[in-house]
Structures are given as C-alpha cells and as structure tokens.
C-alpha cells in the first residue's frame, strides 16, 4: 500500500460511476461506485420524480498528476440532473498533467449535466475531455464553463496548457467533435482563438424546433465585452460564450436553460438549491 507522500507525488486517482434507473414513481440512483476523492452523498427530489445529484470532490482542487474519471449512465425512461456545489480548480503543475475525463451515456432517458465552472490556474497543465453517447430518443442538456486564470484578481493565464475536448454521438453517429488547445499567447490572443478573453463556455442540447432558436436569439442579446453565439445543426443546439466573467457566462446559460427546459425536458425551470448557497 502506497504512503500518502507517494500518493501526493504521483497524483490522486479518482473514479466515480453513477447509474440512474426508473422505478415506480421516480428515478433512483441505483448504482454508485467510487474510488478515491470523488463522491455523491445523497439524491434530492425537489421536483418530485426527477433525481438531483451533486458531485463532490473533497480535496477542493486538482493538482498535476491527478486523474478524475466520471462515468454516468442513465437508463431508459430515467431522468436526472447533475451539478456541482462549486467551481473545480486546476492548480499550477511543475510538470505532470492533470486529467478529468467524463463519459456520459443516456439510453433513451433524460440527463441535465450542469456543473459549475472549471478554473485553470496559471501554470496548470490540464486536460479535460467529455464524451456523450445518446441512444434512441434520449434527451440531453449540458454545459461546460472554463476560466483561464483568475480575472477577478487580474491574474492571467500566461503560462501552462489547457486542452478541452467534447464528443457527442447519437446511436453511434457523431453529432459533434471539437477540441481546443490553449498553450501559447497566440491561442489566447488570435481572432480565431480566445481574443484575449479568459472565459469560454459551451452549452449543448438536443433540440428539433428551429422556432425556439429564433426565440432564443431574440431573448439573449449580445452584451458589452461578452459574445454569445447560438446555432442549431442536425437537431443539436449549441450556445457558445466568450468573455471575461464566469458569473455572466453562468447567468446567460441559465437564461438559455430556462427557455430550453420546457421543450427538451418537458419540465418548468427549477434551479438546483445548491446554486443559491
């Protein structure tokens, strides 16, 4: 058995596997397997049958060499909402890469994947990858918000590397492949990069109603110093944010989610209580 010092040198390995199933009257968290510092304490039911779950990472941050693996499976007719109680922080590394990999599978059920932001500290070496596999008539709304550096204290991401990847499939056919690597000043400053903006976010949703896209475009305006783009391709809605505020990104995404939710999930907006604490 390795010592705590050896664990610290090599980094923590954490794995969390969650399985949601439909039972009479509600969705339940039927499978919960964990290894290392990732956990779920309990399920909440503020909306009756829908299962709300908060992902916890007790160390409070991810250091170089750490590996986090999250595997989520939503069975037929099950419905769940997953979020986090706070931001995930990726700390400066002297060399080793920190990795967070997320595998999400929705088998004809419904999942809302709404974590709070990732903060990538200057000097961090972080690799974040998410794969979503949808099957049948599965419904999905998810977002990811990433902050490079800490703009609230005027701390820029002037060294380090951050890699973001997202792959989304339905019945094995690709709906979206994207990857972004930020490891140079050019990637931060270029017009085809981040335009010197530290916060980038993407929201994805399964959506077939083009009329809702026009409603969203009329409702969600461009803000000063904040850019947001809305598109709908092959029944996949995508909203992209680029700006300097995680608070603004989260607020805009919540506004979009509130409009999408009655159509995609067939439920009125109901914000998780943890967002207000």
Protein backbone atom coordinates (compact mmCIF):
# COMPACT_ATOMS: atom_id res chain seq x y z
CA UNK A 1 0.00 0.00 0.00
CA UNK A 2 1.47 3.37 -1.04
CA UNK A 3 2.20 6.08 1.50
CA UNK A 4 0.49 9.47 1.47
CA UNK A 5 3.74 11.01 0.25
CA UNK A 6 3.88 8.61 -2.71
CA UNK A 7 0.23 9.32 -3.50
CA UNK A 8 0.90 13.07 -3.48
CA UNK A 9 3.94 12.69 -5.77
CA UNK A 10 2.08 10.52 -8.28
CA UNK A 11 -1.20 12.40 -8.01
CA UNK A 12 -4.60 11.19 -6.90
CA UNK A 13 -6.62 8.76 -8.98
CA UNK A 14 -10.36 9.14 -8.54
CA UNK A 15 -13.19 7.29 -10.25
CA UNK A 16 -16.94 7.70 -9.83
CA UNK A 17 -19.57 5.63 -11.60
CA UNK A 18 -23.25 6.54 -11.33
CA UNK A 19 -26.21 4.65 -12.76
CA UNK A 20 -29.77 6.03 -12.81
CA UNK A 21 -32.82 3.82 -13.27
CA UNK A 22 -36.55 4.41 -13.42
CA UNK A 23 -38.51 2.91 -10.55
CA UNK A 24 -42.24 3.29 -9.76
CA UNK A 25 -42.83 6.97 -9.07
CA UNK A 26 -39.32 8.31 -9.60
CA UNK A 27 -35.76 7.91 -10.88
CA UNK A 28 -33.29 6.46 -8.39
CA UNK A 29 -29.51 6.41 -8.17
CA UNK A 30 -29.31 2.61 -8.49
CA UNK A 31 -25.54 2.35 -8.94
CA UNK A 32 -22.84 4.29 -7.12
CA UNK A 33 -19.25 3.06 -7.26
CA UNK A 34 -16.32 5.22 -6.23
CA UNK A 35 -12.59 5.10 -5.80
CA UNK A 36 -10.55 7.97 -4.40
CA UNK A 37 -11.74 11.54 -3.71
CA UNK A 38 -14.93 11.74 -5.78
CA UNK A 39 -18.29 11.21 -4.13
CA UNK A 40 -22.05 11.66 -4.09
CA UNK A 41 -23.66 11.92 -0.67
CA UNK A 42 -27.35 11.53 -1.48
CA UNK A 43 -30.08 12.13 -4.03
CA UNK A 44 -32.53 15.03 -3.82
CA UNK A 45 -36.09 15.26 -5.16
CA UNK A 46 -37.11 18.94 -5.23
CA UNK A 47 -39.20 18.26 -8.35
CA UNK A 48 -40.87 15.04 -7.23
CA UNK A 49 -39.73 12.24 -9.54
CA UNK A 50 -36.59 13.84 -11.01
CA UNK A 51 -33.35 12.81 -9.31
CA UNK A 52 -30.96 15.68 -8.45
CA UNK A 53 -27.35 14.75 -7.61
CA UNK A 54 -24.37 16.88 -6.53
CA UNK A 55 -20.88 15.68 -7.45
CA UNK A 56 -18.37 16.29 -4.67
CA UNK A 57 -14.57 16.48 -4.86
CA UNK A 58 -13.47 16.88 -1.22
CA UNK A 59 -9.85 17.96 -1.92
CA UNK A 60 -11.26 21.15 -3.45
CA UNK A 61 -8.84 21.23 -6.38
CA UNK A 62 -6.99 19.17 -8.96
CA UNK A 63 -3.18 19.11 -8.95
CA UNK A 64 -0.65 17.95 -11.53
CA UNK A 65 -0.73 14.16 -11.87
CA UNK A 66 -4.32 13.85 -10.61
CA UNK A 67 -6.75 11.83 -12.71
CA UNK A 68 -10.52 12.13 -12.33
CA UNK A 69 -12.78 9.73 -14.21
CA UNK A 70 -16.55 10.22 -14.09
CA UNK A 71 -18.88 7.68 -15.71
CA UNK A 72 -22.63 8.34 -15.82
CA UNK A 73 -25.29 6.01 -17.19
CA UNK A 74 -28.97 6.98 -17.48
CA UNK A 75 -31.29 4.08 -18.29
CA UNK A 76 -34.47 4.07 -20.37
CA UNK A 77 -37.15 6.46 -19.02
CA UNK A 78 -34.89 7.62 -16.19
CA UNK A 79 -34.37 11.37 -15.64
CA UNK A 80 -31.59 13.06 -13.68
CA UNK A 81 -29.99 16.45 -13.09
CA UNK A 82 -26.33 16.57 -12.06
CA UNK A 83 -24.43 19.62 -10.87
CA UNK A 84 -21.57 20.54 -8.53
CA UNK A 85 -21.58 22.64 -5.33
CA UNK A 86 -18.81 24.92 -6.55
CA UNK A 87 -16.07 25.53 -9.10
CA UNK A 88 -13.43 22.89 -9.84
CA UNK A 89 -9.91 24.35 -9.58
CA UNK A 90 -6.91 23.07 -11.55
CA UNK A 91 -3.73 24.16 -9.79
CA UNK A 92 -0.25 25.00 -11.09
CA UNK A 93 1.85 21.97 -12.02
CA UNK A 94 5.63 21.53 -12.11
CA UNK A 95 5.25 19.04 -14.96
CA UNK A 96 2.62 16.29 -14.65
CA UNK A 97 -0.69 16.64 -16.49
CA UNK A 98 -3.98 16.80 -14.58
CA UNK A 99 -6.77 14.93 -16.38
CA UNK A 100 -10.52 14.90 -16.00
CA UNK A 101 -12.45 12.51 -18.24
CA UNK A 102 -16.23 12.25 -18.34
CA UNK A 103 -18.19 9.50 -20.07
CA UNK A 104 -21.95 10.12 -20.22
CA UNK A 105 -24.37 7.56 -21.65
CA UNK A 106 -28.11 8.21 -21.93
CA UNK A 107 -30.17 5.19 -23.02
CA UNK A 108 -33.41 6.79 -24.09
CA UNK A 109 -33.75 8.68 -20.80
CA UNK A 110 -33.03 12.33 -19.97
CA UNK A 111 -30.00 14.00 -18.41
CA UNK A 112 -29.21 17.58 -17.46
CA UNK A 113 -25.46 17.93 -16.93
CA UNK A 114 -24.93 21.37 -15.35
CA UNK A 115 -21.61 21.58 -13.47
CA UNK A 116 -20.25 24.85 -12.19
CA UNK A 117 -17.15 26.29 -13.82
CA UNK A 118 -13.59 24.96 -14.10
CA UNK A 119 -10.88 27.43 -13.09
CA UNK A 120 -7.49 26.74 -14.70
CA UNK A 121 -4.78 28.47 -12.64
CA UNK A 122 -1.71 29.98 -14.40
CA UNK A 123 0.93 27.28 -14.75
CA UNK A 124 -1.59 24.44 -14.69
CA UNK A 125 -1.36 21.61 -17.20
CA UNK A 126 -4.93 20.41 -17.58
CA UNK A 127 -6.68 18.07 -19.98
CA UNK A 128 -10.49 17.90 -19.86
CA UNK A 129 -12.48 15.58 -22.11
CA UNK A 130 -16.19 14.76 -22.25
CA UNK A 131 -17.92 12.11 -24.36
CA UNK A 132 -21.72 11.91 -24.54
CA UNK A 133 -23.43 8.88 -26.09
CA UNK A 134 -27.16 9.25 -26.73
CA UNK A 135 -29.33 6.31 -27.74
CA UNK A 136 -32.83 6.22 -29.19
CA UNK A 137 -34.85 9.29 -28.20
CA UNK A 138 -32.51 10.28 -25.36
CA UNK A 139 -32.70 13.95 -24.34
CA UNK A 140 -29.76 15.95 -23.08
CA UNK A 141 -28.87 19.44 -21.91
CA UNK A 142 -25.31 20.05 -20.76
CA UNK A 143 -22.79 22.82 -20.38
CA UNK A 144 -19.15 23.41 -19.57
CA UNK A 145 -17.65 26.75 -18.50
CA UNK A 146 -13.87 27.16 -18.36
CA UNK A 147 -11.96 30.09 -16.90
CA UNK A 148 -8.28 30.54 -17.78
CA UNK A 149 -6.52 32.31 -14.93
CA UNK A 150 -8.37 34.32 -12.31
CA UNK A 151 -9.65 37.53 -13.92
CA UNK A 152 -11.31 38.66 -10.67
CA UNK A 153 -7.81 39.23 -9.22
CA UNK A 154 -6.29 40.27 -12.59
CA UNK A 155 -4.31 37.03 -12.83
CA UNK A 156 -3.74 35.98 -16.45
CA UNK A 157 -3.14 32.51 -17.86
CA UNK A 158 0.28 33.49 -19.19
CA UNK A 159 1.92 30.06 -18.87
CA UNK A 160 0.74 26.48 -18.75
CA UNK A 161 -1.54 24.49 -21.04
CA UNK A 162 -5.23 23.64 -21.15
CA UNK A 163 -6.86 21.16 -23.51
CA UNK A 164 -10.65 20.87 -23.87
CA UNK A 165 -12.43 18.18 -25.89
CA UNK A 166 -16.08 17.25 -26.37
CA UNK A 167 -17.51 14.40 -28.46
CA UNK A 168 -21.24 13.82 -28.79
CA UNK A 169 -22.90 10.87 -30.55
CA UNK A 170 -26.40 9.58 -31.16
CA UNK A 171 -26.73 5.85 -31.88
CA UNK A 172 -23.03 5.75 -32.69
CA UNK A 173 -23.17 8.56 -35.27
CA UNK A 174 -21.14 11.69 -34.47
CA UNK A 175 -23.08 14.90 -33.88
CA UNK A 176 -20.12 16.93 -32.63
CA UNK A 177 -16.34 16.64 -32.39
CA UNK A 178 -14.36 19.55 -31.02
CA UNK A 179 -11.03 20.10 -29.36
CA UNK A 180 -9.22 23.24 -28.26
CA UNK A 181 -5.66 23.59 -27.01
CA UNK A 182 -4.53 26.73 -25.23
CA UNK A 183 -0.78 26.72 -24.67
CA UNK A 184 0.57 29.83 -26.39
CA UNK A 185 -0.04 33.58 -26.36
CA UNK A 186 -1.24 33.28 -29.96
CA UNK A 187 -4.00 30.85 -28.95
CA UNK A 188 -5.12 33.33 -26.31
CA UNK A 189 -4.95 36.45 -28.46
CA UNK A 190 -5.82 35.35 -32.02
CA UNK A 191 -9.12 36.27 -33.62
CA UNK A 192 -9.65 32.54 -34.24
CA UNK A 193 -8.65 31.85 -30.63
CA UNK A 194 -9.88 33.50 -27.44
CA UNK A 195 -9.34 37.17 -28.45
CA UNK A 196 -7.70 37.77 -25.05
CA UNK A 197 -10.87 36.73 -23.24
CA UNK A 198 -10.30 34.34 -20.30
CA UNK A 199 -13.73 32.67 -20.06
CA UNK A 200 -15.19 30.30 -22.61
CA UNK A 201 -18.29 28.18 -22.29
CA UNK A 202 -20.43 25.86 -24.40
CA UNK A 203 -23.99 24.67 -23.85
CA UNK A 204 -25.38 21.68 -25.78
CA UNK A 205 -28.98 20.49 -26.05
CA UNK A 206 -30.97 18.06 -28.16
CA UNK A 207 -33.49 20.21 -29.98
CA UNK A 208 -35.52 19.85 -33.19
CA UNK A 209 -37.60 23.04 -33.03
CA UNK A 210 -35.96 25.78 -35.11
CA UNK A 211 -38.58 28.31 -33.96
CA UNK A 212 -37.10 28.10 -30.48
CA UNK A 213 -33.70 29.09 -31.87
CA UNK A 214 -35.17 32.34 -33.16
CA UNK A 215 -36.84 32.98 -29.81
CA UNK A 216 -33.52 32.47 -28.05
CA UNK A 217 -31.72 34.80 -30.44
CA UNK A 218 -34.29 37.49 -29.73
CA UNK A 219 -34.16 36.92 -25.97
CA UNK A 220 -30.41 36.50 -25.36
CA UNK A 221 -28.71 39.68 -26.67
CA UNK A 222 -25.02 40.38 -27.08
CA UNK A 223 -23.52 42.02 -24.01
CA UNK A 224 -20.67 44.52 -23.83
CA UNK A 225 -17.37 42.62 -23.79
CA UNK A 226 -19.29 39.34 -23.89
CA UNK A 227 -20.02 37.40 -27.07
CA UNK A 228 -22.55 34.60 -27.34
CA UNK A 229 -23.43 32.62 -30.44
CA UNK A 230 -26.43 30.33 -30.92
CA UNK A 231 -26.67 27.64 -33.60
CA UNK A 232 -28.79 24.59 -34.43
CA UNK A 233 -27.29 21.82 -36.58
CA UNK A 234 -28.75 18.33 -37.06
CA UNK A 235 -31.08 18.68 -34.07
CA UNK A 236 -28.20 19.72 -31.82
CA UNK A 237 -28.46 23.20 -30.28
CA UNK A 238 -25.15 24.85 -29.34
CA UNK A 239 -24.60 28.09 -27.42
CA UNK A 240 -21.06 29.45 -27.11
CA UNK A 241 -19.89 32.15 -24.71
CA UNK A 242 -16.64 34.13 -24.85
CA UNK A 243 -15.97 36.87 -22.34
CA UNK A 244 -14.29 37.78 -19.06
CA UNK A 245 -16.80 36.65 -16.42
CA UNK A 246 -17.81 33.19 -15.22
CA UNK A 247 -20.74 34.81 -13.44
CA UNK A 248 -22.00 36.28 -16.71
CA UNK A 249 -21.47 33.01 -18.58
CA UNK A 250 -23.38 31.08 -15.93
CA UNK A 251 -26.20 33.64 -15.86
CA UNK A 252 -26.57 33.57 -19.65
CA UNK A 253 -26.54 29.77 -19.74
CA UNK A 254 -29.17 29.61 -17.01
CA UNK A 255 -31.36 32.01 -19.03
CA UNK A 256 -30.99 29.74 -22.08
CA UNK A 257 -31.59 26.60 -20.00
CA UNK A 258 -34.81 28.06 -18.60
CA UNK A 259 -36.14 28.56 -22.13
CA UNK A 260 -34.94 25.18 -23.42
CA UNK A 261 -36.03 23.07 -20.46
CA UNK A 262 -39.82 23.03 -21.01
CA UNK A 263 -39.24 21.85 -24.60
CA UNK A 264 -36.29 19.48 -24.21
CA UNK A 265 -37.06 18.04 -20.77
CA UNK A 266 -40.80 18.80 -20.60
CA UNK A 267 -40.40 20.44 -17.19
CA UNK A 268 -40.66 24.04 -15.96
CA UNK A 269 -37.43 25.71 -14.82
CA UNK A 270 -36.39 24.69 -11.31
CA UNK A 271 -32.88 25.77 -10.28
CA UNK A 272 -30.93 23.39 -8.04
CA UNK A 273 -30.88 24.74 -4.49
CA UNK A 274 -27.10 24.41 -4.29
CA UNK A 275 -26.74 27.27 -6.83
CA UNK A 276 -28.17 29.68 -4.28
CA UNK A 277 -25.87 28.76 -1.38
